[in-house]
Amino acid sequence: MDADAYLDRIGVADAAGELDPTHGTLGRLVAAHVAAVPFENLGIVGDPHGGRGGRGVTLDLPALYEKVVRDRRGGFCFELNGLFGWLLAELGFDADRCAARVADEGEFGRPPANHHTAVVHFDRSYLADVGTGTPQVREPVPLDGSVVADAAGVEWRVDPDDTPLSDAVLRLREPGGDWRVRYRFRTEPRPLSFFAATCEFLAHEPDGTFTSGPLVQRSTPDGWVALDADALTRVAGRERTETSVPPADWHAVLADEFGLRL
């Protein structure tokens, strides 16, 4: 990996050799990553207005590096956190890949390990995740129940989980809302290959979340922006606007808002 090129991709000006593996550095990396690298599934569904199919997804790290860094694309959780885990290792962080289940309150999520996240260890351990949909986890979240508020006013906390299938649960509270579950996770370290079967399933699941249509999302300084096949949604604090995007304008919006060119 050319770690300097990766840092340039996410808008971090420092060279890799200038960054110490500290909590402050981790926070910079996570915030920069979710602002610069979109959460997107175009590799699965293809171009909705260009007649081109997706190239598929892979957990091969050199291929992920080429896609995200060299080709300046995004990806979904297994791709983004898969590659980010490699960067953390290159920079000297003590980080574990961990399996999570995205689910609502009182549910466990299907299939198992339907999300890849990471736990990074300092004097205490923190959840670090650059591969969720909106609102994205743009700050490291300690695993001790402490509440972290991000720049968009979203609050996050990790609590112990008393279910037999997870060790901890990530919760969020958007401005004006209530606490809700984002996902449950195990803290046991896993190799990237552990996620291969679920990645393959979700990339081909009929009428699934990632196969039903395009999803392109990223964080903004005060919220987030998301594009589907025909509309752009922008959220800033408690304000939400949705704008129709005609097919003839779709690729221009994709480039202007997300820096993606197919």
C-alpha atoms as a PDB file:
ATOM      1  CA  MET A   1       0.000   0.000   0.000  1.00  0.00           C
ATOM      2  CA  ASP A   2       1.054   3.566  -0.711  1.00  0.00           C
ATOM      3  CA  ALA A   3      -0.289   5.003   2.546  1.00  0.00           C
ATOM      4  CA  ASP A   4       0.512   8.556   1.438  1.00  0.00           C
ATOM      5  CA  ALA A   5      -1.718   8.147  -1.628  1.00  0.00           C
ATOM      6  CA  TYR A   6      -4.507   6.803   0.595  1.00  0.00           C
ATOM      7  CA  LEU A   7      -4.174   9.790   2.931  1.00  0.00           C
ATOM      8  CA  ASP A   8      -4.301  12.127  -0.062  1.00  0.00           C
ATOM      9  CA  ARG A   9      -7.465  10.348  -1.257  1.00  0.00           C
ATOM     10  CA  ILE A  10      -9.235  11.175   2.010  1.00  0.00           C
ATOM     11  CA  GLY A  11      -7.882  14.722   2.205  1.00  0.00           C
ATOM     12  CA  VAL A  12      -5.317  14.277   4.984  1.00  0.00           C
ATOM     13  CA  ALA A  13      -2.277  16.383   4.084  1.00  0.00           C
ATOM     14  CA  ASP A  14       0.210  14.720   6.447  1.00  0.00           C
ATOM     15  CA  ALA A  15       2.555  12.032   5.212  1.00  0.00           C
ATOM     16  CA  ALA A  16       2.109   8.604   6.782  1.00  0.00           C
ATOM     17  CA  GLY A  17       5.427   8.933   8.603  1.00  0.00           C
ATOM     18  CA  GLU A  18       4.221  12.109  10.297  1.00  0.00           C
ATOM     19  CA  LEU A  19       1.143  10.504  11.877  1.00  0.00           C
ATOM     20  CA  ASP A  20       1.362   8.847  15.274  1.00  0.00           C
ATOM     21  CA  PRO A  21      -1.197   6.103  16.047  1.00  0.00           C
ATOM     22  CA  THR A  22      -3.123   8.164  18.610  1.00  0.00           C
ATOM     23  CA  HIS A  23      -6.777   8.717  19.370  1.00  0.00           C
ATOM     24  CA  GLY A  24      -6.538  12.183  17.833  1.00  0.00           C
ATOM     25  CA  THR A  25      -5.133  10.806  14.596  1.00  0.00           C
ATOM     26  CA  LEU A  26      -7.838   8.144  14.463  1.00  0.00           C
ATOM     27  CA  GLY A  27     -10.513  10.813  14.819  1.00  0.00           C
ATOM     28  CA  ARG A  28      -9.012  12.805  11.950  1.00  0.00           C
ATOM     29  CA  LEU A  29      -8.871   9.741   9.720  1.00  0.00           C
ATOM     30  CA  VAL A  30     -12.457   8.665  10.378  1.00  0.00           C
ATOM     31  CA  ALA A  31     -13.932  12.155   9.856  1.00  0.00           C
ATOM     32  CA  ALA A  32     -11.923  12.704   6.679  1.00  0.00           C
ATOM     33  CA  HIS A  33     -12.777   9.265   5.282  1.00  0.00           C
ATOM     34  CA  VAL A  34     -16.564   9.529   5.567  1.00  0.00           C
ATOM     35  CA  ALA A  35     -16.494  13.016   4.007  1.00  0.00           C
ATOM     36  CA  ALA A  36     -14.295  12.029   1.057  1.00  0.00           C
ATOM     37  CA  VAL A  37     -15.091   8.385   0.242  1.00  0.00           C
ATOM     38  CA  PRO A  38     -18.769   7.686  -0.483  1.00  0.00           C
ATOM     39  CA  PHE A  39     -20.691   4.745   0.840  1.00  0.00           C
ATOM     40  CA  GLU A  40     -21.967   3.387  -2.486  1.00  0.00           C
ATOM     41  CA  ASN A  41     -23.117   0.192  -4.179  1.00  0.00           C
ATOM     42  CA  LEU A  42     -22.576   1.040  -7.858  1.00  0.00           C
ATOM     43  CA  GLY A  43     -20.141  -1.839  -8.140  1.00  0.00           C
ATOM     44  CA  ILE A  44     -23.137  -4.095  -7.457  1.00  0.00           C
ATOM     45  CA  VAL A  45     -26.038  -2.436  -9.310  1.00  0.00           C
ATOM     46  CA  GLY A  46     -24.123  -0.651 -12.054  1.00  0.00           C
ATOM     47  CA  ASP A  47     -25.002   2.645 -13.701  1.00  0.00           C
ATOM     48  CA  PRO A  48     -28.780   3.261 -13.480  1.00  0.00           C
ATOM     49  CA  HIS A  49     -28.750   5.673 -16.421  1.00  0.00           C
ATOM     50  CA  GLY A  50     -25.830   4.447 -18.501  1.00  0.00           C
ATOM     51  CA  GLY A  51     -26.649   0.853 -19.369  1.00  0.00           C
ATOM     52  CA  ARG A  52     -23.508  -0.502 -17.700  1.00  0.00           C
ATOM     53  CA  GLY A  53     -23.536  -3.276 -15.137  1.00  0.00           C
ATOM     54  CA  GLY A  54     -21.524  -3.280 -11.945  1.00  0.00           C
ATOM     55  CA  ARG A  55     -18.042  -4.747 -11.867  1.00  0.00           C
ATOM     56  CA  GLY A  56     -18.825  -6.696  -8.718  1.00  0.00           C
ATOM     57  CA  VAL A  57     -17.167  -6.486  -5.312  1.00  0.00           C
ATOM     58  CA  THR A  58     -14.143  -8.205  -3.838  1.00  0.00           C
ATOM     59  CA  LEU A  59     -12.349  -8.371  -0.504  1.00  0.00           C
ATOM     60  CA  ASP A  60      -8.952  -8.620  -2.164  1.00  0.00           C
ATOM     61  CA  LEU A  61      -7.043  -5.756  -0.524  1.00  0.00           C
ATOM     62  CA  PRO A  62      -4.903  -4.706  -3.527  1.00  0.00           C
ATOM     63  CA  ALA A  63      -8.064  -4.625  -5.669  1.00  0.00           C
ATOM     64  CA  LEU A  64      -9.870  -2.545  -3.029  1.00  0.00           C
ATOM     65  CA  TYR A  65      -6.932  -0.153  -2.941  1.00  0.00           C
ATOM     66  CA  GLU A  66      -7.084   0.279  -6.717  1.00  0.00           C
ATOM     67  CA  LYS A  67     -10.820   0.922  -6.600  1.00  0.00           C
ATOM     68  CA  VAL A  68     -10.960   3.380  -3.709  1.00  0.00           C
ATOM     69  CA  VAL A  69      -7.591   5.127  -3.933  1.00  0.00           C
ATOM     70  CA  ARG A  70      -6.482   4.923  -7.581  1.00  0.00           C
ATOM     71  CA  ASP A  71      -9.941   4.984  -9.209  1.00  0.00           C
ATOM     72  CA  ARG A  72     -11.376   7.314  -6.529  1.00  0.00           C
ATOM     73  CA  ARG A  73     -14.491   5.234  -5.976  1.00  0.00           C
ATOM     74  CA  GLY A  74     -16.360   4.260  -2.820  1.00  0.00           C
ATOM     75  CA  GLY A  75     -17.909   1.008  -1.664  1.00  0.00           C
ATOM     76  CA  PHE A  76     -20.020  -0.633   0.989  1.00  0.00           C
ATOM     77  CA  CYS A  77     -18.999  -1.734   4.484  1.00  0.00           C
ATOM     78  CA  PHE A  78     -16.908  -4.799   3.665  1.00  0.00           C
ATOM     79  CA  GLU A  79     -14.930  -2.836   1.091  1.00  0.00           C
ATOM     80  CA  LEU A  80     -14.477   0.425   3.002  1.00  0.00           C
ATOM     81  CA  ASN A  81     -13.760  -0.967   6.451  1.00  0.00           C
ATOM     82  CA  GLY A  82     -11.800  -3.781   4.861  1.00  0.00           C
ATOM     83  CA  LEU A  83      -9.424  -1.313   3.229  1.00  0.00           C
ATOM     84  CA  PHE A  84      -9.433   1.084   6.195  1.00  0.00           C
ATOM     85  CA  GLY A  85      -8.290  -1.764   8.428  1.00  0.00           C
ATOM     86  CA  TRP A  86      -5.248  -2.167   6.185  1.00  0.00           C
ATOM     87  CA  LEU A  87      -4.461   1.557   6.486  1.00  0.00           C
ATOM     88  CA  LEU A  88      -4.736   1.402  10.279  1.00  0.00           C
ATOM     89  CA  ALA A  89      -2.292  -1.498  10.357  1.00  0.00           C
ATOM     90  CA  GLU A  90       0.122   0.385   8.076  1.00  0.00           C
ATOM     91  CA  LEU A  91       0.013   3.394  10.408  1.00  0.00           C
ATOM     92  CA  GLY A  92       0.715   1.292  13.505  1.00  0.00           C
ATOM     93  CA  PHE A  93      -2.708   1.202  15.168  1.00  0.00           C
ATOM     94  CA  ASP A  94      -3.739  -1.725  17.356  1.00  0.00           C
ATOM     95  CA  ALA A  95      -7.005  -2.456  15.563  1.00  0.00           C
ATOM     96  CA  ASP A  96      -9.277  -5.496  15.279  1.00  0.00           C
ATOM     97  CA  ARG A  97     -11.754  -6.333  12.546  1.00  0.00           C
ATOM     98  CA  CYS A  98     -15.091  -7.168  14.189  1.00  0.00           C
ATOM     99  CA  ALA A  99     -18.378  -8.645  13.019  1.00  0.00           C
ATOM    100  CA  ALA A 100     -21.619  -6.727  13.488  1.00  0.00           C
ATOM    101  CA  ARG A 101     -25.320  -7.214  12.811  1.00  0.00           C
ATOM    102  CA  VAL A 102     -27.276  -4.236  11.519  1.00  0.00           C
ATOM    103  CA  ALA A 103     -30.746  -4.520  13.070  1.00  0.00           C
ATOM    104  CA  ASP A 104     -33.550  -2.620  14.710  1.00  0.00           C
ATOM    105  CA  GLU A 105     -34.274  -2.577  18.445  1.00  0.00           C
ATOM    106  CA  GLY A 106     -35.053  -6.082  19.704  1.00  0.00           C
ATOM    107  CA  GLU A 107     -33.872  -7.755  16.491  1.00  0.00           C
ATOM    108  CA  PHE A 108     -30.637  -9.564  15.707  1.00  0.00           C
ATOM    109  CA  GLY A 109     -30.091  -8.835  12.016  1.00  0.00           C
ATOM    110  CA  ARG A 110     -29.854 -11.281   9.135  1.00  0.00           C
ATOM    111  CA  PRO A 111     -27.668 -12.730   7.795  1.00  0.00           C
ATOM    112  CA  PRO A 112     -25.014 -13.056  10.520  1.00  0.00           C
ATOM    113  CA  ALA A 113     -22.010 -10.731  10.231  1.00  0.00           C
ATOM    114  CA  ASN A 114     -23.882  -8.463   7.824  1.00  0.00           C
ATOM    115  CA  HIS A 115     -21.549  -5.600   8.722  1.00  0.00           C
ATOM    116  CA  HIS A 116     -17.780  -5.217   9.145  1.00  0.00           C
ATOM    117  CA  THR A 117     -16.635  -2.742  11.793  1.00  0.00           C
ATOM    118  CA  ALA A 118     -13.416  -2.159  13.769  1.00  0.00           C
ATOM    119  CA  VAL A 119     -12.328  -1.757  17.383  1.00  0.00           C
ATOM    120  CA  VAL A 120      -9.134   0.228  18.010  1.00  0.00           C
ATOM    121  CA  HIS A 121      -7.256  -0.014  21.303  1.00  0.00           C
ATOM    122  CA  PHE A 122      -5.560   2.804  23.250  1.00  0.00           C
ATOM    123  CA  ASP A 123      -5.866   3.357  27.016  1.00  0.00           C
ATOM    124  CA  ARG A 124      -9.461   2.333  26.323  1.00  0.00           C
ATOM    125  CA  SER A 125     -11.056   0.772  23.260  1.00  0.00           C
ATOM    126  CA  TYR A 126     -13.004   2.647  20.593  1.00  0.00           C
ATOM    127  CA  LEU A 127     -15.325   1.700  17.774  1.00  0.00           C
ATOM    128  CA  ALA A 128     -14.101   3.107  14.430  1.00  0.00           C
ATOM    129  CA  ASP A 129     -16.293   2.689  11.356  1.00  0.00           C
ATOM    130  CA  VAL A 130     -16.001   4.330   7.910  1.00  0.00           C
ATOM    131  CA  GLY A 131     -18.430   1.977   6.158  1.00  0.00           C
ATOM    132  CA  THR A 132     -21.988   2.748   7.254  1.00  0.00           C
ATOM    133  CA  GLY A 133     -24.833   4.470   5.500  1.00  0.00           C
ATOM    134  CA  THR A 134     -26.089   7.806   6.738  1.00  0.00           C
ATOM    135  CA  PRO A 135     -25.849   9.158   9.328  1.00  0.00           C
ATOM    136  CA  GLN A 136     -22.280   7.920   9.329  1.00  0.00           C
ATOM    137  CA  VAL A 137     -20.132   7.292  12.390  1.00  0.00           C
ATOM    138  CA  ARG A 138     -17.733  10.193  11.974  1.00  0.00           C
ATOM    139  CA  GLU A 139     -16.045   9.961  15.398  1.00  0.00           C
ATOM    140  CA  PRO A 140     -14.381   7.102  17.324  1.00  0.00           C
ATOM    141  CA  VAL A 141     -16.890   5.933  19.951  1.00  0.00           C
ATOM    142  CA  PRO A 142     -15.554   4.527  23.262  1.00  0.00           C
ATOM    143  CA  LEU A 143     -16.788   1.110  24.328  1.00  0.00           C
ATOM    144  CA  ASP A 144     -17.572   2.282  27.871  1.00  0.00           C
ATOM    145  CA  GLY A 145     -20.984   3.907  27.349  1.00  0.00           C
ATOM    146  CA  SER A 146     -19.673   7.467  27.064  1.00  0.00           C
ATOM    147  CA  VAL A 147     -21.677   9.682  24.695  1.00  0.00           C
ATOM    148  CA  VAL A 148     -19.874  11.247  21.732  1.00  0.00           C
ATOM    149  CA  ALA A 149     -21.506  14.086  19.773  1.00  0.00           C
ATOM    150  CA  ASP A 150     -20.325  14.692  16.213  1.00  0.00           C
ATOM    151  CA  ALA A 151     -20.204  17.864  14.112  1.00  0.00           C
ATOM    152  CA  ALA A 152     -23.682  17.203  12.703  1.00  0.00           C
ATOM    153  CA  GLY A 153     -25.236  17.036  16.160  1.00  0.00           C
ATOM    154  CA  VAL A 154     -25.686  13.253  16.134  1.00  0.00           C
ATOM    155  CA  GLU A 155     -24.906  11.530  19.449  1.00  0.00           C
ATOM    156  CA  TRP A 156     -23.370   8.056  19.645  1.00  0.00           C
ATOM    157  CA  ARG A 157     -22.701   5.574  22.403  1.00  0.00           C
ATOM    158  CA  VAL A 158     -21.683   1.918  22.763  1.00  0.00           C
ATOM    159  CA  ASP A 159     -23.342  -0.075  25.545  1.00  0.00           C
ATOM    160  CA  PRO A 160     -22.830  -3.660  26.724  1.00  0.00           C
ATOM    161  CA  ASP A 161     -25.324  -6.009  25.086  1.00  0.00           C
ATOM    162  CA  ASP A 162     -26.916  -8.847  27.020  1.00  0.00           C
ATOM    163  CA  THR A 163     -27.974 -10.876  23.978  1.00  0.00           C
ATOM    164  CA  PRO A 164     -26.248 -14.213  23.277  1.00  0.00           C
ATOM    165  CA  LEU A 165     -25.161 -13.082  19.792  1.00  0.00           C
ATOM    166  CA  SER A 166     -23.262  -9.874  20.582  1.00  0.00           C
ATOM    167  CA  ASP A 167     -21.046  -8.202  23.153  1.00  0.00           C
ATOM    168  CA  ALA A 168     -21.968  -4.569  22.549  1.00  0.00           C
ATOM    169  CA  VAL A 169     -24.529  -2.379  20.811  1.00  0.00           C
ATOM    170  CA  LEU A 170     -23.957   0.913  18.971  1.00  0.00           C
ATOM    171  CA  ARG A 171     -26.747   3.443  19.437  1.00  0.00           C
ATOM    172  CA  LEU A 172     -27.330   6.870  17.937  1.00  0.00           C
ATOM    173  CA  ARG A 173     -29.600   9.843  18.559  1.00  0.00           C
ATOM    174  CA  GLU A 174     -30.193  12.330  15.771  1.00  0.00           C
ATOM    175  CA  PRO A 175     -31.099  15.954  16.568  1.00  0.00           C
ATOM    176  CA  GLY A 176     -34.602  16.013  18.013  1.00  0.00           C
ATOM    177  CA  GLY A 177     -34.880  12.214  18.018  1.00  0.00           C
ATOM    178  CA  ASP A 178     -34.632   9.303  20.422  1.00  0.00           C
ATOM    179  CA  TRP A 179     -31.875   6.797  20.967  1.00  0.00           C
ATOM    180  CA  ARG A 180     -32.025   3.875  18.550  1.00  0.00           C
ATOM    181  CA  VAL A 181     -29.899   0.884  17.657  1.00  0.00           C
ATOM    182  CA  ARG A 182     -27.518   1.153  14.706  1.00  0.00           C
ATOM    183  CA  TYR A 183     -25.982  -2.300  15.099  1.00  0.00           C
ATOM    184  CA  ARG A 184     -24.830  -4.982  17.520  1.00  0.00           C
ATOM    185  CA  PHE A 185     -21.318  -6.396  17.356  1.00  0.00           C
ATOM    186  CA  ARG A 186     -18.863  -8.886  18.752  1.00  0.00           C
ATOM    187  CA  THR A 187     -15.454  -7.715  19.954  1.00  0.00           C
ATOM    188  CA  GLU A 188     -13.719 -10.947  18.938  1.00  0.00           C
ATOM    189  CA  PRO A 189     -11.072 -10.216  16.254  1.00  0.00           C
ATOM    190  CA  ARG A 190     -11.837 -11.646  12.808  1.00  0.00           C
ATOM    191  CA  PRO A 191      -9.781 -11.949   9.616  1.00  0.00           C
ATOM    192  CA  LEU A 192     -11.123 -10.159   6.548  1.00  0.00           C
ATOM    193  CA  SER A 193     -11.879 -13.544   4.976  1.00  0.00           C
ATOM    194  CA  PHE A 194     -14.487 -14.118   7.709  1.00  0.00           C
ATOM    195  CA  PHE A 195     -16.793 -11.665   5.905  1.00  0.00           C
ATOM    196  CA  ALA A 196     -16.434 -13.158   2.416  1.00  0.00           C
ATOM    197  CA  ALA A 197     -19.578 -15.310   2.444  1.00  0.00           C
ATOM    198  CA  THR A 198     -21.872 -12.544   3.711  1.00  0.00           C
ATOM    199  CA  CYS A 199     -20.320 -10.031   1.326  1.00  0.00           C
ATOM    200  CA  GLU A 200     -21.040 -12.364  -1.574  1.00  0.00           C
ATOM    201  CA  PHE A 201     -24.603 -12.983  -0.383  1.00  0.00           C
ATOM    202  CA  LEU A 202     -25.486  -9.304   0.077  1.00  0.00           C
ATOM    203  CA  ALA A 203     -23.997  -8.434  -3.315  1.00  0.00           C
ATOM    204  CA  HIS A 204     -26.356 -10.920  -5.020  1.00  0.00           C
ATOM    205  CA  GLU A 205     -29.379 -11.055  -2.714  1.00  0.00           C
ATOM    206  CA  PRO A 206     -32.585 -10.707  -4.786  1.00  0.00           C
ATOM    207  CA  ASP A 207     -34.395  -7.472  -3.880  1.00  0.00           C
ATOM    208  CA  GLY A 208     -31.875  -6.846  -1.108  1.00  0.00           C
ATOM    209  CA  THR A 209     -30.698  -3.549   0.340  1.00  0.00           C
ATOM    210  CA  PHE A 210     -27.690  -3.401  -1.960  1.00  0.00           C
ATOM    211  CA  THR A 211     -29.204  -4.929  -5.102  1.00  0.00           C
ATOM    212  CA  SER A 212     -32.465  -2.991  -5.433  1.00  0.00           C
ATOM    213  CA  GLY A 213     -31.068   0.299  -6.704  1.00  0.00           C
ATOM    214  CA  PRO A 214     -28.206   2.779  -6.407  1.00  0.00           C
ATOM    215  CA  LEU A 215     -27.165   4.135  -3.020  1.00  0.00           C
ATOM    216  CA  VAL A 216     -24.530   6.881  -2.882  1.00  0.00           C
ATOM    217  CA  GLN A 217     -23.983   8.679   0.431  1.00  0.00           C
ATOM    218  CA  ARG A 218     -21.360  10.747   2.240  1.00  0.00           C
ATOM    219  CA  SER A 219     -21.038  13.055   5.217  1.00  0.00           C
ATOM    220  CA  THR A 220     -21.018  16.856   4.928  1.00  0.00           C
ATOM    221  CA  PRO A 221     -19.796  19.323   7.579  1.00  0.00           C
ATOM    222  CA  ASP A 222     -23.263  19.687   9.105  1.00  0.00           C
ATOM    223  CA  GLY A 223     -25.064  16.540   7.962  1.00  0.00           C
ATOM    224  CA  TRP A 224     -25.094  14.280   4.952  1.00  0.00           C
ATOM    225  CA  VAL A 225     -26.097  13.972   1.311  1.00  0.00           C
ATOM    226  CA  ALA A 226     -27.488  10.926  -0.498  1.00  0.00           C
ATOM    227  CA  LEU A 227     -28.317  10.084  -4.113  1.00  0.00           C
ATOM    228  CA  ASP A 228     -30.575   7.325  -5.410  1.00  0.00           C
ATOM    229  CA  ALA A 229     -31.773   6.678  -8.948  1.00  0.00           C
ATOM    230  CA  ASP A 230     -33.874   9.838  -9.214  1.00  0.00           C
ATOM    231  CA  ALA A 231     -33.419  12.142  -6.196  1.00  0.00           C
ATOM    232  CA  LEU A 232     -30.792  13.904  -4.097  1.00  0.00           C
ATOM    233  CA  THR A 233     -31.463  14.176  -0.364  1.00  0.00           C
ATOM    234  CA  ARG A 234     -29.597  16.658   1.812  1.00  0.00           C
ATOM    235  CA  VAL A 235     -29.781  16.764   5.609  1.00  0.00           C
ATOM    236  CA  ALA A 236     -28.335  19.573   7.758  1.00  0.00           C
ATOM    237  CA  GLY A 237     -29.222  19.309  11.414  1.00  0.00           C
ATOM    238  CA  ARG A 238     -33.020  19.013  11.539  1.00  0.00           C
ATOM    239  CA  GLU A 239     -33.508  20.340   8.019  1.00  0.00           C
ATOM    240  CA  ARG A 240     -34.082  17.868   5.207  1.00  0.00           C
ATOM    241  CA  THR A 241     -34.542  18.667   1.519  1.00  0.00           C
ATOM    242  CA  GLU A 242     -35.116  16.355  -1.423  1.00  0.00           C
ATOM    243  CA  THR A 243     -34.519  17.371  -5.032  1.00  0.00           C
ATOM    244  CA  SER A 244     -35.572  15.424  -8.093  1.00  0.00           C
ATOM    245  CA  VAL A 245     -32.666  14.486 -10.380  1.00  0.00           C
ATOM    246  CA  PRO A 246     -33.572  13.818 -14.051  1.00  0.00           C
ATOM    247  CA  PRO A 247     -31.626  11.001 -15.762  1.00  0.00           C
ATOM    248  CA  ALA A 248     -29.817  13.522 -17.994  1.00  0.00           C
ATOM    249  CA  ASP A 249     -28.403  15.282 -14.905  1.00  0.00           C
ATOM    250  CA  TRP A 250     -27.667  12.228 -12.773  1.00  0.00           C
ATOM    251  CA  HIS A 251     -23.999  11.762 -13.710  1.00  0.00           C
ATOM    252  CA  ALA A 252     -23.237  15.446 -13.210  1.00  0.00           C
ATOM    253  CA  VAL A 253     -24.746  15.314  -9.703  1.00  0.00           C
ATOM    254  CA  LEU A 254     -22.769  12.147  -8.984  1.00  0.00           C
ATOM    255  CA  ALA A 255     -19.549  13.920  -9.952  1.00  0.00           C
ATOM    256  CA  ASP A 256     -20.309  17.275  -8.299  1.00  0.00           C
ATOM    257  CA  GLU A 257     -21.614  15.951  -4.974  1.00  0.00           C
ATOM    258  CA  PHE A 258     -19.568  12.778  -4.560  1.00  0.00           C
ATOM    259  CA  GLY A 259     -16.557  13.072  -6.860  1.00  0.00           C
ATOM    260  CA  LEU A 260     -17.532   9.854  -8.647  1.00  0.00           C
ATOM    261  CA  ARG A 261     -17.182   9.358 -12.362  1.00  0.00           C
ATOM    262  CA  LEU A 262     -18.207   6.047 -13.888  1.00  0.00           C
END
